[in-house]
Amino acid sequence: TQDRHAGDPGLAGGITGSDPVSGGYGPHEVLSWATKFFVDALLL
């Protein structure tokens, strides 16, 4: 679900609230906490 190559700097590398992006949690948003927990998960 991570788009590492997006031209939009607000999307590139971040994690959206939902999949699909229109879903019911943080719709159409890249969230700082989603991205944080993604990093935590991969490090662990």
PDB file of all heavy atoms in Angstrom:
ATOM      1  N   THR A   1       0.821  -1.220   0.000  1.00  0.00           N
ATOM      2  CA  THR A   1       0.000   0.000   0.000  1.00  0.00           C
ATOM      3  C   THR A   1       0.855   1.269   0.000  1.00  0.00           C
ATOM      4  O   THR A   1       0.326   2.361  -0.211  1.00  0.00           O
ATOM      5  CB  THR A   1      -0.932   0.051   1.232  1.00  0.00           C
ATOM      6  OG1 THR A   1      -0.163   0.271   2.429  1.00  0.00           O
ATOM      7  CG2 THR A   1      -1.757  -1.219   1.356  1.00  0.00           C
ATOM      8  N   GLN A   2       2.149   1.147   0.281  1.00  0.00           N
ATOM      9  CA  GLN A   2       3.020   2.320   0.336  1.00  0.00           C
ATOM     10  C   GLN A   2       3.469   2.708  -1.075  1.00  0.00           C
ATOM     11  O   GLN A   2       4.004   1.888  -1.813  1.00  0.00           O
ATOM     12  CB  GLN A   2       4.252   2.032   1.196  1.00  0.00           C
ATOM     13  CG  GLN A   2       5.170   3.240   1.385  1.00  0.00           C
ATOM     14  CD  GLN A   2       6.514   2.857   1.992  1.00  0.00           C
ATOM     15  OE1 GLN A   2       7.055   1.791   1.679  1.00  0.00           O
ATOM     16  NE2 GLN A   2       7.054   3.706   2.846  1.00  0.00           N
ATOM     17  N   ASP A   3       3.257   3.974  -1.447  1.00  0.00           N
ATOM     18  CA  ASP A   3       3.725   4.498  -2.733  1.00  0.00           C
ATOM     19  C   ASP A   3       5.028   5.247  -2.484  1.00  0.00           C
ATOM     20  O   ASP A   3       5.031   6.365  -1.981  1.00  0.00           O
ATOM     21  CB  ASP A   3       2.667   5.420  -3.337  1.00  0.00           C
ATOM     22  CG  ASP A   3       3.007   5.848  -4.763  1.00  0.00           C
ATOM     23  OD1 ASP A   3       4.195   5.750  -5.148  1.00  0.00           O
ATOM     24  OD2 ASP A   3       2.096   6.296  -5.478  1.00  0.00           O
ATOM     25  N   ARG A   4       6.146   4.614  -2.801  1.00  0.00           N
ATOM     26  CA  ARG A   4       7.455   5.227  -2.538  1.00  0.00           C
ATOM     27  C   ARG A   4       7.892   6.166  -3.646  1.00  0.00           C
ATOM     28  O   ARG A   4       8.854   6.915  -3.463  1.00  0.00           O
ATOM     29  CB  ARG A   4       8.511   4.127  -2.361  1.00  0.00           C
ATOM     30  CG  ARG A   4       8.308   3.288  -1.117  1.00  0.00           C
ATOM     31  CD  ARG A   4       9.425   2.275  -0.931  1.00  0.00           C
ATOM     32  NE  ARG A   4       9.296   1.146  -1.830  1.00  0.00           N
ATOM     33  CZ  ARG A   4      10.212   0.754  -2.700  1.00  0.00           C
ATOM     34  NH1 ARG A   4      11.351   1.415  -2.791  1.00  0.00           N
ATOM     35  NH2 ARG A   4      10.011  -0.296  -3.468  1.00  0.00           N
ATOM     36  N   HIS A   5       7.216   6.134  -4.787  1.00  0.00           N
ATOM     37  CA  HIS A   5       7.687   6.876  -5.948  1.00  0.00           C
ATOM     38  C   HIS A   5       6.703   7.942  -6.413  1.00  0.00           C
ATOM     39  O   HIS A   5       6.837   8.472  -7.519  1.00  0.00           O
ATOM     40  CB  HIS A   5       7.981   5.895  -7.088  1.00  0.00           C
ATOM     41  CG  HIS A   5       8.903   4.789  -6.678  1.00  0.00           C
ATOM     42  ND1 HIS A   5      10.223   5.004  -6.338  1.00  0.00           N
ATOM     43  CD2 HIS A   5       8.682   3.447  -6.523  1.00  0.00           C
ATOM     44  CE1 HIS A   5      10.790   3.861  -6.000  1.00  0.00           C
ATOM     45  NE2 HIS A   5       9.882   2.893  -6.102  1.00  0.00           N
ATOM     46  N   ALA A   6       5.718   8.272  -5.598  1.00  0.00           N
ATOM     47  CA  ALA A   6       4.732   9.284  -5.979  1.00  0.00           C
ATOM     48  C   ALA A   6       5.405  10.636  -6.197  1.00  0.00           C
ATOM     49  O   ALA A   6       6.356  10.999  -5.488  1.00  0.00           O
ATOM     50  CB  ALA A   6       3.662   9.404  -4.906  1.00  0.00           C
ATOM     51  N   GLY A   7       4.898  11.385  -7.146  1.00  0.00           N
ATOM     52  CA  GLY A   7       5.421  12.730  -7.369  1.00  0.00           C
ATOM     53  C   GLY A   7       4.988  13.722  -6.318  1.00  0.00           C
ATOM     54  O   GLY A   7       5.622  14.772  -6.142  1.00  0.00           O
ATOM     55  N   ASP A   8       3.926  13.397  -5.608  1.00  0.00           N
ATOM     56  CA  ASP A   8       3.407  14.263  -4.552  1.00  0.00           C
ATOM     57  C   ASP A   8       4.186  13.987  -3.266  1.00  0.00           C
ATOM     58  O   ASP A   8       4.124  12.879  -2.732  1.00  0.00           O
ATOM     59  CB  ASP A   8       1.924  13.970  -4.346  1.00  0.00           C
ATOM     60  CG  ASP A   8       1.241  14.943  -3.388  1.00  0.00           C
ATOM     61  OD1 ASP A   8       1.934  15.552  -2.556  1.00  0.00           O
ATOM     62  OD2 ASP A   8       0.003  15.060  -3.483  1.00  0.00           O
ATOM     63  N   PRO A   9       4.928  14.973  -2.731  1.00  0.00           N
ATOM     64  CA  PRO A   9       5.727  14.721  -1.525  1.00  0.00           C
ATOM     65  C   PRO A   9       4.897  14.414  -0.294  1.00  0.00           C
ATOM     66  O   PRO A   9       5.423  13.850   0.680  1.00  0.00           O
ATOM     67  CB  PRO A   9       6.523  16.019  -1.342  1.00  0.00           C
ATOM     68  CG  PRO A   9       5.715  17.060  -2.049  1.00  0.00           C
ATOM     69  CD  PRO A   9       5.090  16.352  -3.218  1.00  0.00           C
ATOM     70  N   GLY A  10       3.630  14.741  -0.313  1.00  0.00           N
ATOM     71  CA  GLY A  10       2.773  14.405   0.814  1.00  0.00           C
ATOM     72  C   GLY A  10       2.280  12.979   0.798  1.00  0.00           C
ATOM     73  O   GLY A  10       1.746  12.497   1.795  1.00  0.00           O
ATOM     74  N   LEU A  11       2.465  12.313  -0.328  1.00  0.00           N
ATOM     75  CA  LEU A  11       2.066  10.909  -0.457  1.00  0.00           C
ATOM     76  C   LEU A  11       3.274   9.977  -0.441  1.00  0.00           C
ATOM     77  O   LEU A  11       3.227   8.907   0.166  1.00  0.00           O
ATOM     78  CB  LEU A  11       1.276  10.710  -1.759  1.00  0.00           C
ATOM     79  CG  LEU A  11       0.911   9.268  -2.128  1.00  0.00           C
ATOM     80  CD1 LEU A  11       0.025   8.633  -1.054  1.00  0.00           C
ATOM     81  CD2 LEU A  11       0.204   9.221  -3.487  1.00  0.00           C
ATOM     82  N   ALA A  12       4.355  10.375  -1.061  1.00  0.00           N
ATOM     83  CA  ALA A  12       5.505   9.492  -1.257  1.00  0.00           C
ATOM     84  C   ALA A  12       6.070   8.991   0.067  1.00  0.00           C
ATOM     85  O   ALA A  12       6.519   9.784   0.897  1.00  0.00           O
ATOM     86  CB  ALA A  12       6.595  10.217  -2.040  1.00  0.00           C
ATOM     87  N   GLY A  13       6.006   7.694   0.263  1.00  0.00           N
ATOM     88  CA  GLY A  13       6.570   7.070   1.452  1.00  0.00           C
ATOM     89  C   GLY A  13       5.636   6.965   2.629  1.00  0.00           C
ATOM     90  O   GLY A  13       5.909   6.235   3.581  1.00  0.00           O
ATOM     91  N   GLY A  14       4.544   7.712   2.619  1.00  0.00           N
ATOM     92  CA  GLY A  14       3.612   7.696   3.742  1.00  0.00           C
ATOM     93  C   GLY A  14       2.602   6.562   3.639  1.00  0.00           C
ATOM     94  O   GLY A  14       2.528   5.848   2.638  1.00  0.00           O
ATOM     95  N   ILE A  15       1.829   6.395   4.697  1.00  0.00           N
ATOM     96  CA  ILE A  15       0.800   5.357   4.760  1.00  0.00           C
ATOM     97  C   ILE A  15      -0.554   6.038   4.938  1.00  0.00           C
ATOM     98  O   ILE A  15      -0.717   6.900   5.814  1.00  0.00           O
ATOM     99  CB  ILE A  15       1.065   4.371   5.907  1.00  0.00           C
ATOM    100  CG1 ILE A  15       2.418   3.684   5.736  1.00  0.00           C
ATOM    101  CG2 ILE A  15      -0.056   3.339   6.000  1.00  0.00           C
ATOM    102  CD1 ILE A  15       2.549   2.817   4.500  1.00  0.00           C
ATOM    103  N   THR A  16      -1.505   5.661   4.124  1.00  0.00           N
ATOM    104  CA  THR A  16      -2.838   6.251   4.198  1.00  0.00           C
ATOM    105  C   THR A  16      -3.642   5.637   5.340  1.00  0.00           C
ATOM    106  O   THR A  16      -3.289   4.587   5.880  1.00  0.00           O
ATOM    107  CB  THR A  16      -3.585   6.070   2.869  1.00  0.00           C
ATOM    108  OG1 THR A  16      -3.650   4.677   2.545  1.00  0.00           O
ATOM    109  CG2 THR A  16      -2.871   6.812   1.745  1.00  0.00           C
ATOM    110  N   GLY A  17      -4.739   6.287   5.672  1.00  0.00           N
ATOM    111  CA  GLY A  17      -5.561   5.791   6.764  1.00  0.00           C
ATOM    112  C   GLY A  17      -6.222   4.466   6.449  1.00  0.00           C
ATOM    113  O   GLY A  17      -6.301   3.584   7.302  1.00  0.00           O
ATOM    114  N   SER A  18      -6.691   4.320   5.221  1.00  0.00           N
ATOM    115  CA  SER A  18      -7.460   3.132   4.845  1.00  0.00           C
ATOM    116  C   SER A  18      -6.975   2.570   3.524  1.00  0.00           C
ATOM    117  O   SER A  18      -6.310   3.247   2.737  1.00  0.00           O
ATOM    118  CB  SER A  18      -8.946   3.494   4.697  1.00  0.00           C
ATOM    119  OG  SER A  18      -9.505   3.981   5.887  1.00  0.00           O
ATOM    120  N   ASP A  19      -7.324   1.338   3.290  1.00  0.00           N
ATOM    121  CA  ASP A  19      -7.189   0.723   1.973  1.00  0.00           C
ATOM    122  C   ASP A  19      -8.520   0.064   1.643  1.00  0.00           C
ATOM    123  O   ASP A  19      -8.948  -0.843   2.371  1.00  0.00           O
ATOM    124  CB  ASP A  19      -6.067  -0.318   1.955  1.00  0.00           C
ATOM    125  CG  ASP A  19      -5.862  -0.882   0.561  1.00  0.00           C
ATOM    126  OD1 ASP A  19      -5.251  -0.175  -0.260  1.00  0.00           O
ATOM    127  OD2 ASP A  19      -6.340  -2.004   0.304  1.00  0.00           O
ATOM    128  N   PRO A  20      -9.197   0.527   0.557  1.00  0.00           N
ATOM    129  CA  PRO A  20      -8.780   1.597  -0.337  1.00  0.00           C
ATOM    130  C   PRO A  20      -8.738   2.951   0.351  1.00  0.00           C
ATOM    131  O   PRO A  20      -9.268   3.113   1.452  1.00  0.00           O
ATOM    132  CB  PRO A  20      -9.841   1.561  -1.427  1.00  0.00           C
ATOM    133  CG  PRO A  20     -11.057   1.007  -0.756  1.00  0.00           C
ATOM    134  CD  PRO A  20     -10.543   0.009   0.232  1.00  0.00           C
ATOM    135  N   VAL A  21      -8.109   3.906  -0.316  1.00  0.00           N
ATOM    136  CA  VAL A  21      -7.864   5.210   0.305  1.00  0.00           C
ATOM    137  C   VAL A  21      -9.156   5.937   0.638  1.00  0.00           C
ATOM    138  O   VAL A  21      -9.176   6.827   1.500  1.00  0.00           O
ATOM    139  CB  VAL A  21      -6.961   6.057  -0.616  1.00  0.00           C
ATOM    140  CG1 VAL A  21      -7.702   6.478  -1.872  1.00  0.00           C
ATOM    141  CG2 VAL A  21      -6.390   7.255   0.119  1.00  0.00           C
ATOM    142  N   SER A  22     -10.256   5.545   0.018  1.00  0.00           N
ATOM    143  CA  SER A  22     -11.557   6.164   0.283  1.00  0.00           C
ATOM    144  C   SER A  22     -12.278   5.534   1.469  1.00  0.00           C
ATOM    145  O   SER A  22     -13.403   5.915   1.787  1.00  0.00           O
ATOM    146  CB  SER A  22     -12.450   6.046  -0.956  1.00  0.00           C
ATOM    147  OG  SER A  22     -12.629   4.672  -1.294  1.00  0.00           O
ATOM    148  N   GLY A  23     -11.635   4.564   2.145  1.00  0.00           N
ATOM    149  CA  GLY A  23     -12.274   3.854   3.247  1.00  0.00           C
ATOM    150  C   GLY A  23     -12.622   4.752   4.424  1.00  0.00           C
ATOM    151  O   GLY A  23     -12.331   5.956   4.435  1.00  0.00           O
ATOM    152  N   GLY A  24     -13.209   4.146   5.440  1.00  0.00           N
ATOM    153  CA  GLY A  24     -13.830   4.907   6.516  1.00  0.00           C
ATOM    154  C   GLY A  24     -12.916   5.449   7.588  1.00  0.00           C
ATOM    155  O   GLY A  24     -13.381   6.140   8.496  1.00  0.00           O
ATOM    156  N   TYR A  25     -11.615   5.168   7.542  1.00  0.00           N
ATOM    157  CA  TYR A  25     -10.692   5.714   8.533  1.00  0.00           C
ATOM    158  C   TYR A  25      -9.672   6.599   7.838  1.00  0.00           C
ATOM    159  O   TYR A  25      -8.899   6.139   7.001  1.00  0.00           O
ATOM    160  CB  TYR A  25      -9.981   4.603   9.305  1.00  0.00           C
ATOM    161  CG  TYR A  25      -9.096   5.147  10.407  1.00  0.00           C
ATOM    162  CD1 TYR A  25      -9.669   5.751  11.530  1.00  0.00           C
ATOM    163  CD2 TYR A  25      -7.715   5.108  10.315  1.00  0.00           C
ATOM    164  CE1 TYR A  25      -8.869   6.286  12.530  1.00  0.00           C
ATOM    165  CE2 TYR A  25      -6.918   5.631  11.313  1.00  0.00           C
ATOM    166  CZ  TYR A  25      -7.494   6.230  12.417  1.00  0.00           C
ATOM    167  OH  TYR A  25      -6.710   6.771  13.402  1.00  0.00           O
ATOM    168  N   GLY A  26      -9.686   7.885   8.179  1.00  0.00           N
ATOM    169  CA  GLY A  26      -8.789   8.835   7.530  1.00  0.00           C
ATOM    170  C   GLY A  26      -8.914   8.813   6.020  1.00  0.00           C
ATOM    171  O   GLY A  26      -7.903   8.699   5.314  1.00  0.00           O
ATOM    172  N   PRO A  27     -10.147   8.926   5.476  1.00  0.00           N
ATOM    173  CA  PRO A  27     -10.293   8.810   4.027  1.00  0.00           C
ATOM    174  C   PRO A  27      -9.506   9.890   3.278  1.00  0.00           C
ATOM    175  O   PRO A  27      -9.500  11.051   3.664  1.00  0.00           O
ATOM    176  CB  PRO A  27     -11.803   8.975   3.815  1.00  0.00           C
ATOM    177  CG  PRO A  27     -12.309   9.662   5.046  1.00  0.00           C
ATOM    178  CD  PRO A  27     -11.422   9.200   6.150  1.00  0.00           C
ATOM    179  N   HIS A  28      -8.811   9.466   2.258  1.00  0.00           N
ATOM    180  CA  HIS A  28      -8.027  10.349   1.399  1.00  0.00           C
ATOM    181  C   HIS A  28      -6.981  11.155   2.186  1.00  0.00           C
ATOM    182  O   HIS A  28      -6.700  12.297   1.859  1.00  0.00           O
ATOM    183  CB  HIS A  28      -8.951  11.305   0.626  1.00  0.00           C
ATOM    184  CG  HIS A  28      -9.955  10.592  -0.217  1.00  0.00           C
ATOM    185  ND1 HIS A  28      -9.628   9.909  -1.369  1.00  0.00           N
ATOM    186  CD2 HIS A  28     -11.300  10.438  -0.053  1.00  0.00           C
ATOM    187  CE1 HIS A  28     -10.719   9.368  -1.892  1.00  0.00           C
ATOM    188  NE2 HIS A  28     -11.744   9.672  -1.110  1.00  0.00           N
ATOM    189  N   GLU A  29      -6.433  10.518   3.227  1.00  0.00           N
ATOM    190  CA  GLU A  29      -5.389  11.157   4.012  1.00  0.00           C
ATOM    191  C   GLU A  29      -4.197  10.215   4.199  1.00  0.00           C
ATOM    192  O   GLU A  29      -4.377   9.012   4.387  1.00  0.00           O
ATOM    193  CB  GLU A  29      -5.899  11.539   5.407  1.00  0.00           C
ATOM    194  CG  GLU A  29      -6.934  12.634   5.438  1.00  0.00           C
ATOM    195  CD  GLU A  29      -7.364  12.909   6.870  1.00  0.00           C
ATOM    196  OE1 GLU A  29      -8.274  12.212   7.354  1.00  0.00           O
ATOM    197  OE2 GLU A  29      -6.777  13.811   7.504  1.00  0.00           O
ATOM    198  N   VAL A  30      -3.007  10.791   4.162  1.00  0.00           N
ATOM    199  CA  VAL A  30      -1.800  10.112   4.626  1.00  0.00           C
ATOM    200  C   VAL A  30      -1.612  10.552   6.071  1.00  0.00           C
ATOM    201  O   VAL A  30      -1.629  11.752   6.370  1.00  0.00           O
ATOM    202  CB  VAL A  30      -0.580  10.502   3.776  1.00  0.00           C
ATOM    203  CG1 VAL A  30       0.662   9.736   4.235  1.00  0.00           C
ATOM    204  CG2 VAL A  30      -0.851  10.251   2.298  1.00  0.00           C
ATOM    205  N   LEU A  31      -1.451   9.614   6.994  1.00  0.00           N
ATOM    206  CA  LEU A  31      -1.477   9.919   8.425  1.00  0.00           C
ATOM    207  C   LEU A  31      -0.106   9.714   9.065  1.00  0.00           C
ATOM    208  O   LEU A  31       0.567   8.715   8.809  1.00  0.00           O
ATOM    209  CB  LEU A  31      -2.497   9.020   9.127  1.00  0.00           C
ATOM    210  CG  LEU A  31      -3.940   9.122   8.632  1.00  0.00           C
ATOM    211  CD1 LEU A  31      -4.826   8.117   9.369  1.00  0.00           C
ATOM    212  CD2 LEU A  31      -4.490  10.538   8.797  1.00  0.00           C
ATOM    213  N   SER A  32       0.264  10.650   9.938  1.00  0.00           N
ATOM    214  CA  SER A  32       1.568  10.547  10.599  1.00  0.00           C
ATOM    215  C   SER A  32       1.650   9.308  11.477  1.00  0.00           C
ATOM    216  O   SER A  32       2.700   8.660  11.560  1.00  0.00           O
ATOM    217  CB  SER A  32       1.847  11.807  11.427  1.00  0.00           C
ATOM    218  OG  SER A  32       0.870  11.996  12.447  1.00  0.00           O
ATOM    219  N   TRP A  33       0.549   8.937  12.130  1.00  0.00           N
ATOM    220  CA  TRP A  33       0.585   7.779  13.025  1.00  0.00           C
ATOM    221  C   TRP A  33       0.538   6.468  12.254  1.00  0.00           C
ATOM    222  O   TRP A  33       1.145   5.497  12.678  1.00  0.00           O
ATOM    223  CB  TRP A  33      -0.480   7.875  14.097  1.00  0.00           C
ATOM    224  CG  TRP A  33      -1.906   7.946  13.668  1.00  0.00           C
ATOM    225  CD1 TRP A  33      -2.816   6.939  13.644  1.00  0.00           C
ATOM    226  CD2 TRP A  33      -2.623   9.131  13.243  1.00  0.00           C
ATOM    227  NE1 TRP A  33      -4.047   7.404  13.232  1.00  0.00           N
ATOM    228  CE2 TRP A  33      -3.957   8.749  12.987  1.00  0.00           C
ATOM    229  CE3 TRP A  33      -2.262  10.479  13.069  1.00  0.00           C
ATOM    230  CZ2 TRP A  33      -4.924   9.652  12.543  1.00  0.00           C
ATOM    231  CZ3 TRP A  33      -3.224  11.379  12.635  1.00  0.00           C
ATOM    232  CH2 TRP A  33      -4.534  10.967  12.379  1.00  0.00           C
ATOM    233  N   ALA A  34      -0.150   6.435  11.126  1.00  0.00           N
ATOM    234  CA  ALA A  34      -0.107   5.229  10.288  1.00  0.00           C
ATOM    235  C   ALA A  34       1.324   4.980   9.815  1.00  0.00           C
ATOM    236  O   ALA A  34       1.814   3.840   9.826  1.00  0.00           O
ATOM    237  CB  ALA A  34      -1.044   5.382   9.099  1.00  0.00           C
ATOM    238  N   THR A  35       2.001   6.052   9.427  1.00  0.00           N
ATOM    239  CA  THR A  35       3.376   5.928   8.954  1.00  0.00           C
ATOM    240  C   THR A  35       4.298   5.532  10.095  1.00  0.00           C
ATOM    241  O   THR A  35       5.196   4.698   9.934  1.00  0.00           O
ATOM    242  CB  THR A  35       3.819   7.249   8.309  1.00  0.00           C
ATOM    243  OG1 THR A  35       2.854   7.642   7.316  1.00  0.00           O
ATOM    244  CG2 THR A  35       5.186   7.121   7.658  1.00  0.00           C
ATOM    245  N   LYS A  36       4.083   6.084  11.283  1.00  0.00           N
ATOM    246  CA  LYS A  36       4.883   5.719  12.463  1.00  0.00           C
ATOM    247  C   LYS A  36       4.748   4.232  12.791  1.00  0.00           C
ATOM    248  O   LYS A  36       5.749   3.519  13.010  1.00  0.00           O
ATOM    249  CB  LYS A  36       4.446   6.564  13.658  1.00  0.00           C
ATOM    250  CG  LYS A  36       4.992   6.119  15.033  1.00  0.00           C
ATOM    251  CD  LYS A  36       3.975   5.304  15.806  1.00  0.00           C
ATOM    252  CE  LYS A  36       4.330   4.980  17.236  1.00  0.00           C
ATOM    253  NZ  LYS A  36       5.676   4.806  17.685  1.00  0.00           N
ATOM    254  N   PHE A  37       3.513   3.732  12.841  1.00  0.00           N
ATOM    255  CA  PHE A  37       3.300   2.334  13.202  1.00  0.00           C
ATOM    256  C   PHE A  37       3.813   1.390  12.115  1.00  0.00           C
ATOM    257  O   PHE A  37       4.229   0.258  12.417  1.00  0.00           O
ATOM    258  CB  PHE A  37       1.833   2.079  13.525  1.00  0.00           C
ATOM    259  CG  PHE A  37       1.406   2.632  14.860  1.00  0.00           C
ATOM    260  CD1 PHE A  37       0.440   3.623  14.952  1.00  0.00           C
ATOM    261  CD2 PHE A  37       1.985   2.172  16.031  1.00  0.00           C
ATOM    262  CE1 PHE A  37       0.054   4.144  16.185  1.00  0.00           C
ATOM    263  CE2 PHE A  37       1.612   2.679  17.267  1.00  0.00           C
ATOM    264  CZ  PHE A  37       0.652   3.665  17.347  1.00  0.00           C
ATOM    265  N   PHE A  38       3.805   1.832  10.879  1.00  0.00           N
ATOM    266  CA  PHE A  38       4.399   1.067   9.787  1.00  0.00           C
ATOM    267  C   PHE A  38       5.908   0.908  10.013  1.00  0.00           C
ATOM    268  O   PHE A  38       6.457  -0.191   9.894  1.00  0.00           O
ATOM    269  CB  PHE A  38       4.116   1.790   8.467  1.00  0.00           C
ATOM    270  CG  PHE A  38       4.725   1.177   7.243  1.00  0.00           C
ATOM    271  CD1 PHE A  38       4.243  -0.016   6.726  1.00  0.00           C
ATOM    272  CD2 PHE A  38       5.757   1.822   6.575  1.00  0.00           C
ATOM    273  CE1 PHE A  38       4.789  -0.566   5.572  1.00  0.00           C
ATOM    274  CE2 PHE A  38       6.311   1.284   5.424  1.00  0.00           C
ATOM    275  CZ  PHE A  38       5.826   0.084   4.916  1.00  0.00           C
ATOM    276  N   VAL A  39       6.580   2.001  10.369  1.00  0.00           N
ATOM    277  CA  VAL A  39       8.013   1.938  10.663  1.00  0.00           C
ATOM    278  C   VAL A  39       8.267   1.000  11.840  1.00  0.00           C
ATOM    279  O   VAL A  39       9.163   0.145  11.802  1.00  0.00           O
ATOM    280  CB  VAL A  39       8.577   3.345  10.944  1.00  0.00           C
ATOM    281  CG1 VAL A  39      10.008   3.266  11.468  1.00  0.00           C
ATOM    282  CG2 VAL A  39       8.523   4.205   9.685  1.00  0.00           C
ATOM    283  N   ASP A  40       7.483   1.147  12.911  1.00  0.00           N
ATOM    284  CA  ASP A  40       7.643   0.264  14.078  1.00  0.00           C
ATOM    285  C   ASP A  40       7.533  -1.205  13.674  1.00  0.00           C
ATOM    286  O   ASP A  40       8.329  -2.048  14.110  1.00  0.00           O
ATOM    287  CB  ASP A  40       6.561   0.560  15.128  1.00  0.00           C
ATOM    288  CG  ASP A  40       6.732   1.895  15.816  1.00  0.00           C
ATOM    289  OD1 ASP A  40       7.823   2.490  15.728  1.00  0.00           O
ATOM    290  OD2 ASP A  40       5.758   2.339  16.458  1.00  0.00           O
ATOM    291  N   ALA A  41       6.517  -1.510  12.859  1.00  0.00           N
ATOM    292  CA  ALA A  41       6.270  -2.897  12.472  1.00  0.00           C
ATOM    293  C   ALA A  41       7.445  -3.463  11.673  1.00  0.00           C
ATOM    294  O   ALA A  41       7.889  -4.595  11.912  1.00  0.00           O
ATOM    295  CB  ALA A  41       4.982  -2.987  11.665  1.00  0.00           C
ATOM    296  N   LEU A  42       7.964  -2.676  10.732  1.00  0.00           N
ATOM    297  CA  LEU A  42       9.064  -3.176   9.913  1.00  0.00           C
ATOM    298  C   LEU A  42      10.344  -3.325  10.726  1.00  0.00           C
ATOM    299  O   LEU A  42      11.109  -4.287  10.528  1.00  0.00           O
ATOM    300  CB  LEU A  42       9.303  -2.244   8.717  1.00  0.00           C
ATOM    301  CG  LEU A  42       8.167  -2.123   7.695  1.00  0.00           C
ATOM    302  CD1 LEU A  42       8.663  -1.406   6.441  1.00  0.00           C
ATOM    303  CD2 LEU A  42       7.562  -3.464   7.319  1.00  0.00           C
ATOM    304  N   LEU A  43      10.601  -2.405  11.633  1.00  0.00           N
ATOM    305  CA  LEU A  43      11.794  -2.527  12.477  1.00  0.00           C
ATOM    306  C   LEU A  43      11.722  -3.775  13.350  1.00  0.00           C
ATOM    307  O   LEU A  43      12.714  -4.509  13.502  1.00  0.00           O
ATOM    308  CB  LEU A  43      11.961  -1.280  13.346  1.00  0.00           C
ATOM    309  CG  LEU A  43      12.366   0.000  12.618  1.00  0.00           C
ATOM    310  CD1 LEU A  43      12.355   1.182  13.594  1.00  0.00           C
ATOM    311  CD2 LEU A  43      13.747  -0.123  11.978  1.00  0.00           C
ATOM    312  N   LEU A  44      10.561  -4.028  13.930  1.00  0.00           N
ATOM    313  CA  LEU A  44      10.402  -5.224  14.746  1.00  0.00           C
ATOM    314  C   LEU A  44      10.496  -6.491  13.903  1.00  0.00           C
ATOM    315  O   LEU A  44      11.094  -7.490  14.322  1.00  0.00           O
ATOM    316  CB  LEU A  44       9.067  -5.192  15.488  1.00  0.00           C
ATOM    317  CG  LEU A  44       9.017  -4.329  16.744  1.00  0.00           C
ATOM    318  CD1 LEU A  44       7.582  -4.197  17.240  1.00  0.00           C
ATOM    319  CD2 LEU A  44       9.898  -4.920  17.841  1.00  0.00           C
TER     320      LEU A  44
END
